[in-house]
Every structure is written in C-alpha cells, then in structure tokens.
Protein backbone atom coordinates (compact mmCIF):
# COMPACT_ATOMS: atom_id res chain seq x y z
CA MET A 1 177.76 -1.61 144.61
CA ASN A 2 175.36 -4.53 144.31
CA ASP A 3 172.23 -4.83 142.18
CA ILE A 4 169.84 -4.03 145.04
CA GLU A 5 171.64 -0.76 145.85
CA ARG A 6 171.64 0.18 142.16
CA GLU A 7 167.92 -0.54 141.94
CA ALA A 8 167.31 1.65 145.02
CA LEU A 9 169.18 4.54 143.38
CA LYS A 10 167.31 3.99 140.12
CA LYS A 11 163.89 4.08 141.79
CA ASN A 12 164.71 7.33 143.64
CA THR A 13 166.56 9.11 140.82
CA THR A 14 163.81 11.67 140.22
CA MET A 15 163.59 12.59 143.90
CA LEU A 16 167.37 12.84 144.21
CA VAL A 17 167.63 15.12 141.17
CA GLN A 18 164.86 17.38 142.45
CA ASP A 19 166.18 17.79 146.02
CA ILE A 20 170.00 17.64 145.80
CA VAL A 21 171.89 20.86 145.10
CA VAL A 22 175.51 20.16 144.18
CA THR A 23 177.34 22.77 146.25
CA GLU A 24 181.01 23.02 147.21
CA ARG A 25 180.13 21.80 150.69
CA PHE A 26 178.34 18.74 149.27
CA LEU A 27 181.27 17.90 146.97
CA ALA A 28 183.72 18.35 149.85
CA ALA A 29 181.71 15.85 151.92
CA LEU A 30 181.83 13.35 149.04
CA ALA A 31 185.59 13.80 148.76
CA GLU A 32 186.01 13.44 152.53
CA LYS A 33 184.23 10.05 152.42
CA ASN A 34 186.55 8.99 149.54
CA ILE A 35 183.54 8.43 147.27
CA PHE A 36 184.97 10.39 144.34
CA GLU A 37 188.44 11.44 143.27
CA GLN A 38 189.26 15.02 142.31
CA GLU A 39 189.02 14.28 138.59
CA MET A 40 185.49 12.90 139.01
CA LEU A 41 184.48 15.95 141.06
CA GLU A 42 185.70 18.16 138.21
CA MET A 43 183.62 16.07 135.78
CA ILE A 44 180.55 16.78 137.93
CA LYS A 45 181.32 20.51 138.21
CA VAL A 46 181.65 21.09 134.47
CA GLU A 47 178.00 20.11 133.88
CA LYS A 48 175.92 23.16 132.99
CA THR A 49 172.64 22.74 134.90
CA PRO A 50 172.15 21.59 138.53
CA SER A 51 170.09 18.58 137.39
CA ASP A 52 172.84 17.52 134.96
CA LYS A 53 175.35 17.62 137.82
CA VAL A 54 173.18 15.28 139.91
CA TYR A 55 172.65 12.94 136.94
CA LYS A 56 176.41 12.81 136.40
CA LEU A 57 176.95 12.08 140.10
CA LEU A 58 174.42 9.23 140.05
CA ASP A 59 176.02 7.87 136.87
CA LEU A 60 179.49 7.71 138.48
CA LEU A 61 178.37 6.50 141.92
CA PRO A 62 177.65 2.79 141.10
CA ARG A 63 181.23 2.41 139.82
CA ARG A 64 182.88 3.46 143.08
CA GLY A 65 183.07 0.13 144.87
CA PRO A 66 180.99 -1.86 147.38
CA GLU A 67 181.08 0.84 150.09
CA ALA A 68 180.01 3.74 147.85
CA PHE A 69 176.28 3.39 148.63
CA ASN A 70 176.74 3.41 152.45
CA SER A 71 179.18 6.34 152.26
CA PHE A 72 176.71 8.24 150.08
CA LEU A 73 173.99 7.61 152.67
CA LEU A 74 176.23 9.09 155.40
CA VAL A 75 176.67 12.26 153.34
CA LEU A 76 172.92 12.50 152.72
CA GLU A 77 172.18 12.06 156.45
CA ASP A 78 174.19 15.20 157.17
CA GLN A 79 172.59 17.46 154.52
CA TYR A 80 169.50 15.63 153.09
CA TYR A 81 168.28 13.32 155.84
CA TRP A 82 164.89 12.68 154.19
CA LEU A 83 166.62 11.36 151.06
CA ALA A 84 168.77 9.03 153.17
CA THR A 85 165.64 7.74 154.91
CA LYS A 86 163.87 7.20 151.57
CA LEU A 87 166.85 5.30 150.12
CA ARG A 88 167.06 3.06 153.20
CA ASP A 89 163.34 2.30 153.03
CA THR A 90 163.62 1.41 149.34
CA LEU A 91 166.67 -0.76 150.03
CA HIS A 92 164.86 -2.65 152.81
CA GLU A 93 161.82 -3.19 150.58
CA LEU A 94 163.97 -4.63 147.81
CA MET A 95 165.82 -6.85 150.28
CA ASN A 96 162.55 -8.13 151.71
CA GLN A 97 161.24 -8.86 148.21
CA LYS A 98 164.37 -10.80 147.39
CA THR A 99 164.22 -12.68 150.71
CA THR A 100 160.57 -13.70 150.25
CA GLN A 101 161.16 -15.03 146.71
CA PRO A 102 162.04 -18.76 146.61
CA VAL A 103 165.62 -19.46 145.58
CA GLN A 104 165.73 -21.64 142.46
CA PRO A 105 168.98 -23.48 141.82
CA ASP A 106 170.40 -22.31 138.52
CA ILE A 107 172.76 -25.26 138.02
CA PRO A 108 171.58 -27.90 135.54
CA LEU A 109 171.49 -31.36 137.03
CA SER A 110 171.95 -34.52 135.03
CA HIS A 111 169.21 -37.08 135.13
CA GLU A 112 171.50 -39.94 134.17
CA ASN A 113 172.92 -42.19 136.88
CA ILE A 114 176.61 -41.93 135.93
CA ILE A 115 179.21 -43.75 137.99
CA LEU A 116 182.16 -41.43 138.62
CA ASP A 117 185.76 -42.50 138.63
CA LYS A 118 187.42 -42.38 142.05
CA ASP A 119 190.02 -39.74 141.10
CA ILE A 120 187.41 -37.51 139.47
CA LYS A 121 185.17 -37.77 142.51
CA GLN A 122 188.06 -36.89 144.88
CA ARG A 123 189.21 -33.92 142.78
CA ILE A 124 185.70 -32.51 142.36
CA SER A 125 184.96 -32.97 146.08
CA SER A 126 188.27 -31.27 147.03
CA PHE A 127 187.56 -28.39 144.63
CA ILE A 128 184.03 -27.81 145.98
CA GLN A 129 185.25 -28.00 149.59
CA ARG A 130 188.04 -25.54 148.88
CA GLN A 131 185.93 -23.05 146.94
CA LEU A 132 182.48 -23.32 148.58
CA GLY A 133 183.18 -24.86 151.97
CA GLN A 134 183.06 -21.50 153.84
CA VAL A 135 180.04 -20.15 151.95
CA ARG A 136 177.04 -20.26 154.30
CA HIS A 137 174.27 -18.86 152.15
CA ILE A 138 174.57 -21.82 149.73
CA SER A 139 172.88 -24.87 151.20
CA ASN A 140 174.53 -28.29 151.39
CA THR A 141 171.98 -29.61 148.90
CA ASP A 142 173.05 -27.03 146.33
CA LYS A 143 176.71 -27.80 147.02
CA SER A 144 176.04 -31.50 146.47
CA SER A 145 174.18 -30.74 143.24
CA ILE A 146 177.08 -28.61 141.98
CA GLU A 147 179.56 -31.36 142.92
CA ARG A 148 177.46 -34.03 141.18
CA TRP A 149 176.98 -31.93 138.04
CA LEU A 150 180.70 -31.12 137.73
CA GLY A 151 181.57 -34.76 138.34
CA GLU A 152 179.18 -36.01 135.69
CA TRP A 153 180.44 -33.40 133.26
CA ALA A 154 184.10 -34.35 133.92
CA GLN A 155 183.26 -38.06 133.61
CA GLU A 156 181.56 -37.46 130.24
CA GLU A 157 184.56 -35.49 129.05
CA ARG A 158 186.93 -38.26 130.11
CA LYS A 159 184.74 -40.79 128.34
CA ARG A 160 184.84 -38.77 125.14
CA LEU A 161 188.61 -38.34 125.39
CA MET A 162 189.12 -42.06 125.93
CA GLN A 163 186.92 -42.87 122.94
CA SER A 164 188.89 -40.44 120.80
CA ILE A 165 192.18 -42.04 121.88
CA GLN A 166 190.90 -45.56 121.13
CA ARG A 167 189.88 -44.62 117.65
CA THR A 168 192.55 -45.37 115.09
CA TYR A 169 191.13 -42.93 112.63
CA VAL A 170 188.90 -40.02 113.22
CA SER A 171 187.90 -37.77 110.41
CA ASP A 172 188.48 -34.05 110.59
CA ASP A 173 184.73 -33.46 110.63
CA GLU A 174 184.33 -35.65 113.71
CA LYS A 175 187.19 -33.81 115.50
CA ILE A 176 185.65 -30.47 114.70
CA LEU A 177 182.27 -31.77 115.93
CA GLU A 178 183.76 -32.91 119.24
CA LYS A 179 185.50 -29.55 119.74
CA LEU A 180 182.26 -27.74 118.98
CA ILE A 181 180.41 -29.86 121.55
CA VAL A 182 183.06 -29.11 124.20
CA LYS A 183 183.03 -25.40 123.28
CA GLU A 184 179.24 -25.33 123.43
CA LYS A 185 179.18 -26.91 126.87
CA LEU A 186 181.91 -24.51 128.09
CA TYR A 187 179.99 -21.56 126.71
CA LYS A 188 176.76 -22.71 128.38
CA LEU A 189 178.62 -23.08 131.67
CA HIS A 190 180.17 -19.64 131.17
CA THR A 191 176.73 -18.15 130.52
CA LYS A 192 175.30 -19.70 133.69
CA LEU A 193 178.25 -18.49 135.77
CA SER A 194 178.11 -14.99 134.25
CA SER A 195 174.55 -14.60 135.52
CA LEU A 196 175.82 -15.28 139.07
CA VAL A 197 178.99 -13.14 138.95
CA ASP A 198 178.75 -9.49 140.03
CA GLU A 199 178.98 -7.33 136.91
CA SER A 200 180.60 -4.42 138.81
CA ASN A 201 184.03 -6.04 138.36
CA THR A 202 185.78 -5.08 135.08
CA ASN A 203 187.16 -8.53 134.29
CA GLU A 204 183.79 -10.13 135.01
CA ARG A 205 182.10 -7.71 132.63
CA GLN A 206 184.61 -8.80 129.99
CA PHE A 207 183.53 -12.43 130.50
CA GLY A 208 180.04 -11.45 129.37
CA VAL A 209 181.28 -10.56 125.86
CA LEU A 210 183.14 -13.83 125.27
CA THR A 211 182.05 -15.87 122.29
CA LEU A 212 181.82 -19.60 121.68
CA ASP A 213 185.33 -19.65 120.19
CA THR A 214 187.08 -17.58 122.88
CA VAL A 215 185.72 -19.24 126.07
CA THR A 216 188.32 -21.45 127.86
CA PHE A 217 188.68 -23.54 131.00
CA GLU A 218 190.74 -20.71 132.55
CA VAL A 219 187.80 -18.34 132.13
CA ILE A 220 185.45 -20.84 133.76
CA GLU A 221 187.88 -21.39 136.63
CA GLU A 222 188.29 -17.64 137.16
CA GLN A 223 184.52 -17.18 137.14
CA ILE A 224 184.12 -19.93 139.72
CA SER A 225 186.86 -18.31 141.85
CA THR A 226 185.16 -14.91 141.57
CA LEU A 227 181.80 -16.39 142.48
CA THR A 228 183.39 -18.13 145.46
CA ARG A 229 185.07 -14.92 146.61
CA GLN A 230 181.82 -13.02 146.35
CA SER A 231 180.06 -15.74 148.31
CA VAL A 232 182.69 -15.51 151.06
CA GLU A 233 182.38 -11.72 151.15
CA MET A 234 178.60 -12.02 151.36
CA ALA A 235 178.93 -14.53 154.19
CA GLN A 236 181.26 -12.12 156.02
CA GLU A 237 178.81 -9.29 155.55
CA ILE A 238 176.02 -11.49 156.92
CA ASP A 239 178.20 -12.32 159.94
CA GLN A 240 178.83 -8.61 160.46
CA CYS A 241 175.09 -8.02 160.37
CA TYR A 242 174.58 -10.71 162.99
CA ALA A 243 177.30 -9.14 165.12
CA ALA A 244 175.81 -5.66 164.71
CA PHE A 245 172.34 -6.84 165.74
CA GLY A 246 173.60 -9.08 168.54
CA ALA A 247 172.51 -12.35 166.94
CA ARG A 248 174.53 -15.59 166.98
CA PRO A 249 176.74 -15.97 163.87
CA GLY A 250 175.58 -19.57 163.55
CA GLY A 251 172.00 -18.90 164.52
CA ASP A 252 168.79 -18.97 162.56
CA PRO A 253 168.71 -16.39 159.72
CA GLY A 254 165.23 -15.58 160.86
CA ASP A 255 166.75 -13.83 163.88
CA LEU A 256 168.41 -11.34 161.56
CA ASN A 257 165.12 -10.68 159.77
CA THR A 258 163.46 -10.09 163.15
CA TYR A 259 166.14 -7.57 164.09
CA VAL A 260 165.82 -5.84 160.72
CA GLN A 261 162.05 -5.61 161.04
CA ARG A 262 162.43 -4.27 164.56
CA MET A 263 164.92 -1.65 163.34
CA LEU A 264 162.56 -0.68 160.53
CA ALA A 265 159.75 -0.19 163.06
CA GLN A 266 162.06 1.94 165.19
CA LEU A 267 163.06 3.95 162.14
CA LYS A 268 159.40 4.59 161.33
CA GLU A 269 158.84 5.79 164.89
CA LYS A 270 161.89 8.01 164.54
CA ASP A 271 160.45 9.35 161.28
CA LYS A 272 157.22 10.24 163.06
CA GLU A 273 159.17 11.99 165.82
CA ILE A 274 161.21 13.81 163.20
CA ALA A 275 157.98 14.89 161.45
CA LYS A 276 156.66 16.27 164.75
CA GLU A 277 159.94 18.03 165.41
CA LYS A 278 159.81 19.39 161.87
CA GLU A 279 156.36 20.86 162.55
CA LYS A 280 157.71 22.47 165.73
CA VAL A 281 160.65 23.84 163.79
CA GLU A 282 158.28 25.25 161.17
CA GLU A 283 156.24 26.96 163.91
CA ILE A 284 159.43 28.38 165.39
CA LEU A 285 160.47 29.56 161.94
CA CYS A 286 157.09 31.29 161.52
CA GLU A 287 157.51 33.03 164.87
CA MET A 288 161.05 34.00 163.91
CA TYR A 289 159.76 35.38 160.61
CA ASN A 290 157.15 37.47 162.42
CA ASN A 291 159.75 38.69 164.89
CA ILE A 292 162.08 39.57 162.05
CA SER A 293 159.27 41.51 160.32
CA GLU A 294 158.56 43.46 163.50
CA GLN A 295 162.25 44.04 163.99
CA LYS A 296 162.50 45.40 160.45
CA LYS A 297 159.66 47.82 161.14
CA LYS A 298 161.36 48.94 164.35
CA ASN A 299 164.62 49.34 162.49
CA GLN A 300 162.89 51.45 159.85
CA ALA A 301 161.33 53.65 162.56
CA LEU A 302 164.71 53.89 164.27
CA MET A 303 166.36 54.90 161.00
CA GLN A 304 163.67 57.55 160.49
CA ASN A 305 164.29 58.87 164.02
CA GLN A 306 168.02 58.88 163.39
CA LYS A 307 167.45 60.81 160.17
CA GLN A 308 165.34 63.38 162.03
CA MET A 309 167.97 63.49 164.76
CA MET A 310 170.64 64.20 162.15
CA GLU A 311 168.54 67.01 160.70
CA LEU A 312 168.02 68.47 164.19
CA THR A 313 171.73 68.11 164.86
CA GLN A 314 172.49 70.03 161.68
CA GLN A 315 170.04 72.75 162.74
CA VAL A 316 171.63 72.89 166.21
CA ASN A 317 175.08 73.13 164.64
CA ALA A 318 173.85 75.97 162.40
CA LEU A 319 172.36 77.76 165.42
CA GLN A 320 175.57 77.23 167.38
CA GLU A 321 177.54 78.68 164.49
CA GLU A 322 175.17 81.65 164.36
CA ASN A 323 175.49 82.02 168.14
CA ARG A 324 179.29 82.02 167.89
CA ARG A 325 179.09 84.67 165.16
CA LEU A 326 176.76 86.80 167.31
CA GLU A 327 179.02 86.31 170.34
CA PHE A 328 181.95 87.48 168.25
CA GLN A 329 179.95 90.53 167.16
CA ILE A 330 178.92 91.18 170.78
CA SER A 331 182.55 90.85 171.87
CA SER A 332 183.56 93.30 169.14
CA LEU A 333 180.80 95.66 170.25
CA ASP A 334 181.88 95.26 173.88
CA LYS A 335 185.43 96.19 172.94
CA SER A 336 184.16 99.17 170.93
CA HIS A 337 181.85 100.15 173.83
CA ALA A 338 184.74 99.88 176.29
CA GLU A 339 186.85 102.12 174.08
CA LYS A 340 184.00 104.58 173.79
CA GLU A 341 183.46 104.41 177.56
CA LYS A 342 187.13 105.14 178.03
CA THR A 343 186.94 108.02 175.57
CA LEU A 344 183.76 109.26 177.30
CA GLY A 345 185.53 109.11 180.68
CA GLU A 346 188.39 111.12 179.28
CA LEU A 347 185.95 113.58 177.79
CA ARG A 348 184.11 113.82 181.09
CA GLN A 349 187.40 114.41 182.88
CA GLN A 350 188.30 117.09 180.34
CA GLU A 351 184.82 118.54 180.77
CA THR A 352 185.33 118.59 184.54
CA GLU A 353 188.67 120.31 184.07
CA ARG A 354 187.06 122.73 181.63
CA GLN A 355 184.24 123.48 184.09
CA ALA A 356 186.81 123.98 186.82
CA LEU A 357 188.79 126.27 184.53
CA ILE A 358 185.63 128.14 183.58
CA LYS A 359 184.79 128.44 187.26
CA ASN A 360 188.29 129.75 187.95
CA LEU A 361 187.99 132.13 185.04
CA ARG A 362 184.64 133.30 186.31
CA ASP A 363 186.08 133.72 189.77
CA GLU A 364 189.00 135.62 188.32
CA ASN A 365 186.65 137.65 186.15
CA ARG A 366 184.53 138.37 189.16
CA ALA A 367 187.64 139.39 191.07
CA LEU A 368 188.78 141.49 188.14
CA LYS A 369 185.41 143.16 188.00
CA LEU A 370 185.66 143.88 191.68
CA GLU A 371 189.16 145.24 191.22
CA LEU A 372 187.99 147.19 188.21
CA ASN A 373 185.16 148.65 190.14
CA ALA A 374 187.53 149.41 192.96
CA ALA A 375 189.95 150.99 190.50
CA LYS A 376 187.22 153.05 188.94
CA THR A 377 186.29 154.22 192.34
CA ALA A 378 189.89 155.01 193.08
CA ASN A 379 190.29 156.80 189.76
CA HIS A 380 187.51 159.05 190.55
CA ARG A 381 189.33 159.89 193.67
CA SER A 382 192.92 160.02 192.12
CA PRO A 383 193.13 160.21 188.35
CA ASN A 384 196.93 159.97 188.29
CA ARG A 385 196.98 156.39 189.40
CA ILE A 386 197.58 154.45 186.13
CA ALA A 387 199.43 151.35 187.48
CA PRO A 388 196.33 149.33 188.45
CA ARG A 389 194.96 149.82 184.96
CA ASN A 390 198.11 148.35 183.40
CA GLN A 391 197.90 145.35 185.74
CA ARG A 392 194.36 144.68 184.74
CA GLN A 393 195.33 144.65 181.08
CA SER A 394 198.08 142.12 181.71
CA ARG A 395 195.62 139.85 183.60
CA GLN A 396 193.13 140.05 180.73
CA LYS A 397 195.86 138.93 178.30
CA GLN A 398 196.75 135.97 180.53
CA ASN A 399 193.12 134.88 180.71
CA ALA A 400 192.86 135.12 176.92
CA ARG A 401 195.93 132.90 176.56
CA LYS A 402 194.45 130.27 178.95
CA LYS A 403 191.19 130.18 176.98
CA ALA A 404 193.15 129.71 173.77
CA ASN A 405 195.18 126.85 175.30
CA PHE A 406 192.02 125.22 176.62
CA SER A 407 190.32 125.41 173.20
CA ASN A 408 193.38 123.83 171.57
CA GLY A 409 193.33 120.96 174.13
CA ASN A 410 189.63 120.15 173.38
CA LYS A 411 190.33 120.02 169.66
CA THR A 412 193.10 117.48 170.12
C-alpha cells in the first residue's frame, strides 16, 4: 500500500470506525479477497469493543501488500458503498494534489565541471540505462542529472584512491579521515535514496536504521535496485491505467488526467442518482413500516377473534357434551318407557282376560240364578228332587276355584 492510500485511510479513520460493524459476513468477505489470513482475523475478533476491532483492522491493512487497498474497497462496495465512495474521493483528491505540485529533483548536482574518465562514463551510462531506461515517469533531464552526479562522484572517488596510492606514507589519521569522508558521502546518498524507497518493504525499512558505520555500497546498490523496480512497477500501473481508460500508452499524460476527471464527474452524477434512489428507498421503507403496523393491528384483531372463537368452540363442545348426556338419558328413559309400555300392554291384556272372565262368571252366575230360580220353582212343585241342588253346589265350587286362580295370576 502506497503513501497516498495510507493517507486516505488515515483521513477517513473516524468515519470508518463509526460505520463499520465487524461481523462474520464482513470478515468472510475480507478472507475471500485474500486481504487477511486466518490468524489476523482471529487477532481482530479477540478485540473487546466493535471500535477496537475496526482500529485493529485498519492497523493491519496497510501491511497487506499493494493490492490490499483496492481489495478493501471491493468489500466496502458490497456492504458499505458510501464508505467506498468516500475513500475513492479522498484518494482522487490526494492524487490531484500530488499531480499539481511541481516535482523537485532530489538528487544533488555538482557545480564543478569535472571531466570523466571514459570507462567511468561508459559504466555509469550502462548502469543508468539498465536500471532507469524503462522508467517513464522520470524525465530524461533527471536521468541525465543522476548519470552526471554518479559519474562525478565516481571520478572524485577514483581521484582520491589514486592520490592515496601515490602517497608513500599516509598517517593513520589521514586514512581514518578519508574513510570518514567516504562513509559520510555513502550515508548521505543512503539518506536521499531512503526518502525515495517505499517504506512498506521490510528490507527497505531496515535501511532507514543504518548508521554511518554500517552503510555499504551493497546497501546503496540494493536501494537503487529497489527504487528502479518500484519505478518500473509504477510505469506498468500507469500503462494499465491508460489501457483501462482507452488512452495511448505513449500518449500525453494529460489524457489520463482528462479521463480521471471525466470518471470523477460521472461518479458524482452516480452519487446524485444513488441519493435520489436512497430517498425513494426511504419512502418505500416508510410505506412498508406503515403497512407492517396496520398488519400488526389486523393480526392482533385476528388473534382476538381466534381467542373468542376458541372460547365459543369450548362452549359448543360443552353443550354438545351436555346434549350427548341428555340424549343418553332420553334413550334410557325411552328404554324404560318401552318396558313400561310392554308391561302396560301385558296388564291390559290381563285386564281384558279378567274382564272376559268376569263377564263369563257373570253370565254363569246369571245362568245359575236362572237355574236356581227354576230349581226353586221345581222344588215347590216336587220337594224330593235333590239332584239339581247338588249340581249347583258343585258349580259354585268351580267358580270359586277359577276366581282364586285368577287372583293368583294377577299377583304374579
């Protein structure tokens, strides 16, 4: 991550901490974009408060390589689009400020007109061509200045070495003085190069803590190689920008600025459209909230009706149970009534038989009375006739037996 991207994060730290909620979904998106490893995600999770989690995330993010900022923007676009828009706007502002500032060459140039040896001039020219030949954002004037400065410095060093060889005797103090001068110049060169090298690299950060005694030519060479590599990467990124915006790779850099400004204008228009859509969404949300409130009221009324329905159902069930009990009682009474009807029919039949028997007995009694009267009449005429009297007595006994049998049948 470069200095501009770090500055953009730093300027928007407060807004990011206030709006971002570190959820499992958000952490999964970060892991999917390969922004953080699992151990770093655990470091973020162990923080106690939500704001501490976001601070920890922002502290680890600048150390995750050159693509970490763009990947983080992609995650924000999915869940916090307004934060992604704010970060992009801040990044464009910082880039425009850096573009509008005049570039001052940071390489000290010698004011002495030193004639360079042929071999030194060839080696320095070959070195500059090999290391800075493909770097487009460094002008040819700056390349020539760097080549001239390195040449003059190498020529001075050769001159000093030749003078030291020609001397037959050099005191220890003079040797130490010459070494200190060389070390001082190397350290100054290291300091100038350190200000140009990206501090995100671990080895390059180590160069910044070197002292006057520990700086070497190998360190300077590695710093120059790193600076050259970064320049090539920057040139490739610029070419990719040209390709993305449809500009010629070898065209005027102003074309790229025009495309960027045009894209910024389009983004602002998109922001306005998004704001309008957001207002519409808020209106829809209000309507949905009102509908939900009405629906809740209807649901409450429906629940009340269901409760009343359940109470009525319980009452109906109780009435049905009472009805079944009464039906059972009615059925029992019907059975009892049928039995009594049957008994009554039998009694009526017995009563009919009894009436018929009584009628027969009355008829027989009437006949007996007639016979008795006839016998009395005959007795008056012939007293010796006793047989009819004995017959009448036997008939009376039979009638008495029938009455007794009938009375016993009614009792049973």
